[in-house]
Amino acid sequence: MSEFPFSAPTLRVATPALETPAARPHHLPPLEVQCRVRTRIPTPHGHVFLHLYTNNHDDKEHMAFVADHAQMASTSRRLLPFIRSRSLDARWHEGESDEERIVRGAYVGRLTATTQVASSPNPHTLQPAPAHPHRHSSHCGHARTTEHPTDPPLVRIHSECFTGETIGSQRCDCGEQLDEAFRLITLAGRGVIVYLRQEGRGIGLLEKMRAYNLQDLGHDTVTANLMLGHGADMRTYGIAGAILRDLGVAQDGVRLLTNNPDKIKQIEGEGVTVAERVPMVPRSWARLPGGGDTNPPSWPARSARSPGVGMIGGSTTSSPELEKYLRTKIERMGHMLTAPDQQGMLQRVMGTGGTGATTSPMMHSPLSASVTSLADVQATRESRGEEEAT
């Protein structure tokens, strides 16, 4: 196969006029977000509340998934305030009925045919949540408590990925990261996934697909974006910060699920206190020697990862495209991960059945330390085959 004859510095592929973050006007009003509706979504791990947000900077509907098991509990005793939207629980107009509030999701506990309790509107939050951080003394009519503080909530700020989340594309680990984030926040019982409509690191699905074609010609994900006239990462996190403030978790601190240092910098610039970074280790790397996080996670972060299975599936996938993508994020985008060493790569060849294989992460068997070459791998495979035959 012939190589693509141009490099990124010498070729700029013609790009149709598209709405990208860089092309948007800079004279926008101060950012405001508004939660329009909230509903309960049952999942294999438990209930989450889906919040749909609009804002005055783009015409997209961004979302937040909230796991807050205390809101579903039959007792009112709790150690921390509920994670609730101030803009949703506010009074939207004079004389609004409980039925109006309940239908949009401004209710307490769980809705049933016989139980419907509207939340108490907070008179101090009649307007949409503003862009700039500020403290509140109360939360949707529920008094805050500071007794027995626990770990800050887990938070994942996730950008949509149609290919990774719907058909399991192995060009990226986006679907796996979303699945793992759901598993972790529901396991912890208190957390948020902010789901931003920033397809393709902010360049949109059309441009991402064009970039994929450039990747098939031999370019990595960063170079492909640059060749199309985009930045390596066009995402912004102002809306995410406003959503977290609206949910009341921004200033007391969050445990952010990310490997991306730029995301941490941007979200802290939005007034969100990051108390801890919790790594997102690729499943295909998690059990390989030398693969994983650059800094050991805290005990709560480690313990949160041990039980449970994925909501979509507990499998581990690998492919040449995914390997290149993960290593590019480390080498060219500064993501805080350590790639597996050569021993780990040999383990992948034998333990997962080779490129593109799909196996349960619990089925990985560690290799003997004496396995140091492909010949040793083959010999070990043959030995295993003889054992199974007997």
Protein backbone atom coordinates (compact mmCIF):
# COMPACT_ATOMS: atom_id res chain seq x y z
CA MET A 1 0.00 0.00 0.00
CA SER A 2 1.41 3.38 -0.99
CA GLU A 3 1.95 5.94 1.72
CA PHE A 4 0.17 9.28 1.76
CA PRO A 5 2.66 11.60 0.03
CA PHE A 6 2.11 14.64 2.22
CA SER A 7 2.79 15.48 5.85
CA ALA A 8 0.76 17.77 8.07
CA PRO A 9 3.05 20.83 7.69
CA THR A 10 2.90 20.68 3.87
CA LEU A 11 -0.75 19.81 3.32
CA ARG A 12 -3.89 21.50 4.54
CA VAL A 13 -6.93 19.57 3.37
CA ALA A 14 -9.78 21.79 2.19
CA THR A 15 -12.51 21.94 4.80
CA PRO A 16 -16.10 23.11 4.26
CA ALA A 17 -17.35 26.00 6.35
CA LEU A 18 -18.49 24.51 9.63
CA GLU A 19 -19.53 25.79 13.02
CA THR A 20 -16.58 25.06 15.32
CA PRO A 21 -15.68 26.56 18.71
CA ALA A 22 -12.94 28.64 17.09
CA ALA A 23 -15.38 30.04 14.51
CA ARG A 24 -18.04 31.12 17.00
CA PRO A 25 -18.42 34.82 17.80
CA HIS A 26 -16.57 36.12 20.82
CA HIS A 27 -19.25 38.66 21.76
CA LEU A 28 -21.45 36.13 23.54
CA PRO A 29 -23.40 37.10 26.67
CA PRO A 30 -22.36 35.68 30.05
CA LEU A 31 -22.98 31.95 30.02
CA GLU A 32 -26.15 30.66 31.67
CA VAL A 33 -27.41 27.08 31.79
CA GLN A 34 -30.93 25.90 32.52
CA CYS A 35 -32.01 22.38 33.41
CA ARG A 36 -35.23 21.86 31.44
CA VAL A 37 -36.22 18.40 32.60
CA ARG A 38 -35.08 15.60 34.88
CA THR A 39 -36.14 11.97 34.90
CA ARG A 40 -35.16 8.72 36.58
CA ILE A 41 -33.37 6.11 34.44
CA PRO A 42 -33.07 2.58 35.86
CA THR A 43 -29.77 0.90 34.96
CA PRO A 44 -28.28 -2.52 35.78
CA HIS A 45 -26.34 -0.85 38.61
CA GLY A 46 -29.15 1.26 40.02
CA HIS A 47 -31.06 4.44 39.35
CA VAL A 48 -29.58 7.59 37.84
CA PHE A 49 -31.29 10.90 37.19
CA LEU A 50 -30.90 12.25 33.65
CA HIS A 51 -30.88 16.06 33.43
CA LEU A 52 -31.27 17.86 30.10
CA TYR A 53 -29.68 21.32 29.90
CA THR A 54 -29.95 24.21 27.48
CA ASN A 55 -27.75 27.31 27.47
CA ASN A 56 -27.40 30.70 25.82
CA HIS A 57 -24.12 29.96 23.98
CA ASP A 58 -25.08 27.17 21.60
CA ASP A 59 -28.23 25.43 20.39
CA LYS A 60 -27.24 22.02 21.75
CA GLU A 61 -28.87 20.02 24.50
CA HIS A 62 -26.17 18.94 26.95
CA MET A 63 -26.87 16.42 29.69
CA ALA A 64 -25.90 15.36 33.18
CA PHE A 65 -26.38 11.92 34.72
CA VAL A 66 -26.59 12.04 38.51
CA ALA A 67 -26.16 9.03 40.78
CA ASP A 68 -27.36 9.98 44.25
CA HIS A 69 -28.68 6.93 46.05
CA ALA A 70 -29.65 8.98 49.11
CA GLN A 71 -32.45 10.63 47.11
CA MET A 72 -34.03 7.21 46.54
CA ALA A 73 -33.75 6.12 50.18
CA SER A 74 -36.88 5.75 52.28
CA THR A 75 -35.32 7.60 55.21
CA SER A 76 -34.61 11.32 55.18
CA ARG A 77 -31.34 10.96 57.12
CA ARG A 78 -28.29 11.88 55.06
CA LEU A 79 -24.76 13.10 55.59
CA LEU A 80 -24.44 15.28 52.49
CA PRO A 81 -26.78 17.52 50.49
CA PHE A 82 -28.64 15.97 47.61
CA ILE A 83 -27.16 16.55 44.16
CA ARG A 84 -29.98 18.54 42.59
CA SER A 85 -30.34 21.22 39.93
CA ARG A 86 -30.96 24.67 41.33
CA SER A 87 -32.37 25.93 38.02
CA LEU A 88 -34.80 23.00 37.79
CA ASP A 89 -36.00 23.34 41.38
CA ALA A 90 -36.44 27.11 41.14
CA ARG A 91 -39.90 28.63 40.76
CA TRP A 92 -40.27 29.25 37.02
CA HIS A 93 -43.32 31.48 37.25
CA GLU A 94 -45.76 32.73 39.84
CA GLY A 95 -48.55 30.36 40.62
CA GLU A 96 -46.95 27.26 39.08
CA SER A 97 -48.61 24.07 40.24
CA ASP A 98 -47.09 21.00 41.85
CA GLU A 99 -48.13 19.07 38.75
CA GLU A 100 -46.02 21.35 36.54
CA ARG A 101 -43.03 20.89 38.81
CA ILE A 102 -43.40 17.12 39.00
CA VAL A 103 -43.75 16.69 35.23
CA ARG A 104 -40.46 18.53 34.62
CA GLY A 105 -38.76 16.45 37.31
CA ALA A 106 -38.74 18.87 40.24
CA TYR A 107 -39.85 16.27 42.73
CA VAL A 108 -38.46 14.57 45.84
CA GLY A 109 -37.79 10.86 46.16
CA ARG A 110 -39.27 8.53 43.57
CA LEU A 111 -42.44 9.04 41.56
CA THR A 112 -45.07 6.31 41.75
CA ALA A 113 -48.76 6.09 40.97
CA THR A 114 -49.47 6.90 44.60
CA THR A 115 -46.50 9.08 45.57
CA GLN A 116 -45.81 12.49 44.04
CA VAL A 117 -43.99 15.09 46.13
CA ALA A 118 -42.86 18.29 44.42
CA SER A 119 -39.59 19.82 45.60
CA SER A 120 -39.66 23.10 47.50
CA PRO A 121 -38.66 26.01 45.24
CA ASN A 122 -35.69 28.01 46.48
CA PRO A 123 -36.61 31.70 46.29
CA HIS A 124 -32.96 32.62 45.74
CA THR A 125 -32.65 30.65 42.47
CA LEU A 126 -35.41 32.03 40.29
CA GLN A 127 -32.95 32.68 37.46
CA PRO A 128 -30.90 30.20 35.41
CA ALA A 129 -27.60 29.15 36.95
CA PRO A 130 -24.97 31.84 36.22
CA ALA A 131 -21.53 31.22 34.79
CA HIS A 132 -19.54 32.57 37.72
CA PRO A 133 -19.08 30.51 40.90
CA HIS A 134 -20.81 31.49 44.11
CA ARG A 135 -21.85 29.73 47.31
CA HIS A 136 -25.38 28.98 48.45
CA SER A 137 -26.45 28.48 52.04
CA SER A 138 -29.27 26.13 51.05
CA HIS A 139 -29.91 23.63 48.30
CA CYS A 140 -33.35 23.41 46.65
CA GLY A 141 -35.06 24.05 49.95
CA HIS A 142 -33.07 21.33 51.76
CA ALA A 143 -30.70 22.48 54.49
CA ARG A 144 -27.06 21.60 53.94
CA THR A 145 -25.22 19.68 56.61
CA THR A 146 -21.51 19.44 57.30
CA GLU A 147 -21.69 16.47 59.67
CA HIS A 148 -19.40 13.53 58.94
CA PRO A 149 -18.07 14.70 55.57
CA THR A 150 -17.20 11.91 53.14
CA ASP A 151 -15.26 11.73 49.92
CA PRO A 152 -16.18 14.31 47.26
CA PRO A 153 -18.46 13.01 44.50
CA LEU A 154 -16.99 11.28 41.49
CA VAL A 155 -17.38 13.42 38.36
CA ARG A 156 -16.76 12.52 34.73
CA ILE A 157 -16.89 15.23 32.05
CA HIS A 158 -17.53 13.26 28.87
CA SER A 159 -17.82 14.47 25.28
CA GLU A 160 -20.15 12.58 22.97
CA CYS A 161 -18.73 10.02 20.55
CA PHE A 162 -21.31 8.54 18.18
CA THR A 163 -18.98 5.88 16.77
CA GLY A 164 -17.55 4.77 20.09
CA GLU A 165 -20.82 4.77 22.04
CA THR A 166 -23.22 3.24 19.49
CA ILE A 167 -21.28 0.71 17.41
CA GLY A 168 -18.28 0.10 19.65
CA SER A 169 -15.67 1.68 17.39
CA GLN A 170 -12.16 0.57 18.31
CA ARG A 171 -10.56 3.72 16.97
CA CYS A 172 -10.99 5.25 20.44
CA ASP A 173 -11.82 4.34 24.03
CA CYS A 174 -14.74 6.77 24.41
CA GLY A 175 -17.45 4.11 24.75
CA GLU A 176 -15.39 2.22 27.29
CA GLN A 177 -14.75 5.38 29.31
CA LEU A 178 -18.46 6.26 29.40
CA ASP A 179 -19.34 2.72 30.44
CA GLU A 180 -16.71 2.74 33.17
CA ALA A 181 -17.84 6.15 34.43
CA PHE A 182 -21.42 4.88 34.82
CA ARG A 183 -20.15 1.83 36.67
CA LEU A 184 -18.04 3.88 39.06
CA ILE A 185 -20.54 6.62 39.95
CA THR A 186 -23.35 4.13 40.57
CA LEU A 187 -21.02 1.95 42.60
CA ALA A 188 -19.98 4.92 44.72
CA GLY A 189 -23.62 5.96 45.10
CA ARG A 190 -22.89 9.64 44.55
CA GLY A 191 -21.52 11.16 41.37
CA VAL A 192 -22.14 13.03 38.12
CA ILE A 193 -21.44 12.45 34.45
CA VAL A 194 -21.63 15.68 32.47
CA TYR A 195 -22.31 14.69 28.85
CA LEU A 196 -21.24 17.43 26.44
CA ARG A 197 -22.20 17.59 22.78
CA GLN A 198 -18.63 17.98 21.55
CA GLU A 199 -18.30 15.21 18.97
CA GLY A 200 -14.80 14.50 17.66
CA ARG A 201 -13.01 16.58 20.31
CA GLY A 202 -15.11 19.53 19.19
CA ILE A 203 -14.88 19.27 15.37
CA GLY A 204 -18.16 17.42 14.74
CA LEU A 205 -19.01 14.03 13.28
CA LEU A 206 -18.47 15.00 9.64
CA GLU A 207 -14.95 16.27 10.25
CA LYS A 208 -14.15 13.37 12.55
CA MET A 209 -15.02 10.92 9.78
CA ARG A 210 -12.76 12.80 7.37
CA ALA A 211 -10.01 12.61 9.98
CA TYR A 212 -10.54 8.85 10.21
CA ASN A 213 -9.78 8.55 6.50
CA LEU A 214 -6.54 10.46 7.04
CA GLN A 215 -5.73 8.10 9.91
CA ASP A 216 -6.15 5.14 7.56
CA LEU A 217 -3.51 6.80 5.37
CA GLY A 218 -1.05 6.57 8.25
CA HIS A 219 -1.56 9.77 10.26
CA ASP A 220 -2.38 9.81 13.96
CA THR A 221 -5.45 11.52 15.44
CA VAL A 222 -3.62 14.78 16.21
CA THR A 223 -2.00 15.15 12.79
CA ALA A 224 -5.29 14.33 11.04
CA ASN A 225 -7.07 17.13 12.89
CA LEU A 226 -4.30 19.60 12.09
CA MET A 227 -4.38 18.66 8.41
CA LEU A 228 -8.09 19.51 8.34
CA GLY A 229 -7.41 22.95 9.81
CA HIS A 230 -8.52 22.19 13.36
CA GLY A 231 -6.70 22.16 16.65
CA ALA A 232 -5.64 18.91 18.27
CA ASP A 233 -8.45 19.37 20.80
CA MET A 234 -11.19 21.98 20.22
CA ARG A 235 -13.26 21.20 23.31
CA THR A 236 -14.17 23.76 25.95
CA TYR A 237 -15.58 23.18 29.42
CA GLY A 238 -17.42 26.36 30.36
CA ILE A 239 -20.80 24.66 30.03
CA ALA A 240 -19.58 21.71 32.11
CA GLY A 241 -18.49 24.08 34.86
CA ALA A 242 -21.85 25.86 34.83
CA ILE A 243 -23.70 22.53 35.02
CA LEU A 244 -21.61 21.39 37.99
CA ARG A 245 -22.31 24.70 39.75
CA ASP A 246 -26.01 24.29 39.04
CA LEU A 247 -25.84 20.84 40.64
CA GLY A 248 -24.09 22.28 43.69
CA VAL A 249 -20.91 20.18 43.56
CA ALA A 250 -18.39 22.62 42.07
CA GLN A 251 -16.78 24.40 45.01
CA ASP A 252 -16.83 21.73 47.69
CA GLY A 253 -14.55 19.59 45.54
CA VAL A 254 -14.93 16.73 43.06
CA ARG A 255 -12.95 13.61 42.29
CA LEU A 256 -12.48 14.01 38.55
CA LEU A 257 -12.33 10.89 36.36
CA THR A 258 -9.80 11.87 33.69
CA ASN A 259 -6.33 11.37 32.27
CA ASN A 260 -6.36 14.75 30.52
CA PRO A 261 -4.35 17.55 32.19
CA ASP A 262 -5.93 20.18 29.93
CA LYS A 263 -9.39 19.19 31.15
CA ILE A 264 -8.29 19.64 34.76
CA LYS A 265 -6.80 23.06 34.00
CA GLN A 266 -9.89 24.25 32.13
CA ILE A 267 -12.43 22.99 34.65
CA GLU A 268 -10.50 24.51 37.57
CA GLY A 269 -10.51 27.76 35.60
CA GLU A 270 -14.31 27.54 35.66
CA GLY A 271 -14.34 27.57 39.46
CA VAL A 272 -14.63 23.81 40.00
CA THR A 273 -12.39 22.50 42.78
CA VAL A 274 -10.68 19.25 41.75
CA ALA A 275 -9.89 17.50 45.03
CA GLU A 276 -8.47 14.42 43.32
CA ARG A 277 -7.83 13.04 39.85
CA VAL A 278 -9.08 9.48 39.44
CA PRO A 279 -7.40 7.78 36.45
CA MET A 280 -9.29 6.18 33.58
CA VAL A 281 -7.07 3.19 32.77
CA PRO A 282 -7.93 1.42 29.48
CA ARG A 283 -9.29 -2.04 30.21
CA SER A 284 -6.90 -3.58 27.71
CA TRP A 285 -3.99 -2.07 29.66
CA ALA A 286 -5.20 -2.39 33.24
CA ARG A 287 -3.86 -5.91 33.80
CA LEU A 288 -0.67 -5.65 31.76
CA PRO A 289 2.78 -5.09 33.32
CA GLY A 290 3.77 -1.44 33.24
CA GLY A 291 0.40 -0.18 32.06
CA GLY A 292 -1.78 2.24 33.95
CA ASP A 293 -1.76 5.55 35.78
CA THR A 294 1.32 7.72 36.20
CA ASN A 295 0.40 8.36 39.87
CA PRO A 296 -1.02 5.78 42.30
CA PRO A 297 -4.70 6.55 43.01
CA SER A 298 -6.04 6.98 46.52
CA TRP A 299 -7.55 4.08 48.43
CA PRO A 300 -11.16 5.18 47.63
CA ALA A 301 -10.23 5.36 43.94
CA ARG A 302 -8.69 1.88 44.01
CA SER A 303 -11.52 0.30 45.98
CA ALA A 304 -14.15 1.77 43.66
CA ARG A 305 -12.66 -0.10 40.74
CA SER A 306 -12.54 -3.60 42.20
CA PRO A 307 -16.18 -4.80 42.14
CA GLY A 308 -18.88 -4.64 39.50
CA VAL A 309 -19.10 -5.16 35.77
CA GLY A 310 -19.73 -2.81 32.89
CA MET A 311 -23.27 -1.62 32.23
CA ILE A 312 -22.91 -2.24 28.50
CA GLY A 313 -20.52 -5.15 28.93
CA GLY A 314 -17.55 -6.29 30.98
CA SER A 315 -15.38 -7.15 27.99
CA THR A 316 -11.94 -5.90 27.06
CA THR A 317 -11.21 -5.03 23.45
CA SER A 318 -8.03 -4.18 21.63
CA SER A 319 -7.10 -3.25 18.08
CA PRO A 320 -4.15 -1.65 16.25
CA GLU A 321 -6.19 1.54 15.80
CA LEU A 322 -7.00 1.72 19.52
CA GLU A 323 -3.37 1.09 20.50
CA LYS A 324 -2.19 3.91 18.24
CA TYR A 325 -4.88 6.25 19.55
CA LEU A 326 -4.04 5.58 23.21
CA ARG A 327 -0.32 6.05 22.69
CA THR A 328 -0.89 9.24 20.69
CA LYS A 329 -2.85 10.70 23.61
CA ILE A 330 0.14 10.02 25.86
CA GLU A 331 2.92 11.08 23.51
CA ARG A 332 1.33 14.08 21.79
CA MET A 333 -1.44 15.28 24.13
CA GLY A 334 0.24 14.70 27.49
CA HIS A 335 -2.38 12.35 28.93
CA MET A 336 -1.36 10.98 32.32
CA LEU A 337 -1.07 7.27 31.56
CA THR A 338 1.76 4.79 31.30
CA ALA A 339 1.74 2.47 28.30
CA PRO A 340 2.30 -1.25 28.90
CA ASP A 341 5.86 -2.50 28.52
CA GLN A 342 6.98 -5.10 25.99
CA GLN A 343 6.18 -7.92 28.41
CA GLY A 344 2.65 -6.59 28.60
CA MET A 345 2.31 -6.56 24.84
CA LEU A 346 3.41 -10.21 24.66
CA GLN A 347 0.80 -11.00 27.29
CA ARG A 348 -1.85 -9.36 25.14
CA VAL A 349 -0.86 -11.49 22.12
CA MET A 350 -1.25 -14.70 24.06
CA GLY A 351 -3.80 -13.89 26.73
CA THR A 352 -6.43 -12.13 24.59
CA GLY A 353 -6.10 -14.14 21.41
CA GLY A 354 -4.41 -11.42 19.37
CA THR A 355 -5.55 -8.26 17.64
CA GLY A 356 -9.21 -7.46 17.83
CA ALA A 357 -10.01 -10.17 20.36
CA THR A 358 -12.71 -9.63 22.94
CA THR A 359 -12.45 -11.32 26.33
CA SER A 360 -13.59 -10.80 29.87
CA PRO A 361 -11.09 -8.77 31.92
CA MET A 362 -11.44 -11.37 34.67
CA MET A 363 -10.16 -14.08 32.31
CA HIS A 364 -6.66 -12.63 31.83
CA SER A 365 -3.95 -15.04 33.01
CA PRO A 366 -0.53 -13.62 33.91
CA LEU A 367 2.38 -14.88 31.87
CA SER A 368 5.42 -16.52 33.37
CA ALA A 369 8.30 -14.10 33.79
CA SER A 370 10.36 -16.38 31.54
CA VAL A 371 8.24 -15.54 28.48
CA THR A 372 10.38 -13.01 26.65
CA SER A 373 9.90 -13.73 22.94
CA LEU A 374 7.21 -14.63 20.44
CA ALA A 375 8.75 -18.11 20.24
CA ASP A 376 8.21 -18.49 23.98
CA VAL A 377 4.63 -17.30 23.52
CA GLN A 378 4.02 -19.93 20.86
CA ALA A 379 5.59 -22.66 23.01
CA THR A 380 3.45 -21.65 25.96
CA ARG A 381 0.32 -21.70 23.78
CA GLU A 382 1.16 -25.22 22.57
CA SER A 383 1.77 -26.34 26.14
CA ARG A 384 -1.60 -24.94 27.20
CA GLY A 385 -3.24 -26.77 24.31
CA GLU A 386 -1.76 -30.07 25.45
CA GLU A 387 -2.96 -29.46 29.01
CA GLU A 388 -6.49 -28.71 27.83
CA ALA A 389 -6.46 -31.83 25.66
CA THR A 390 -5.69 -33.96 28.68
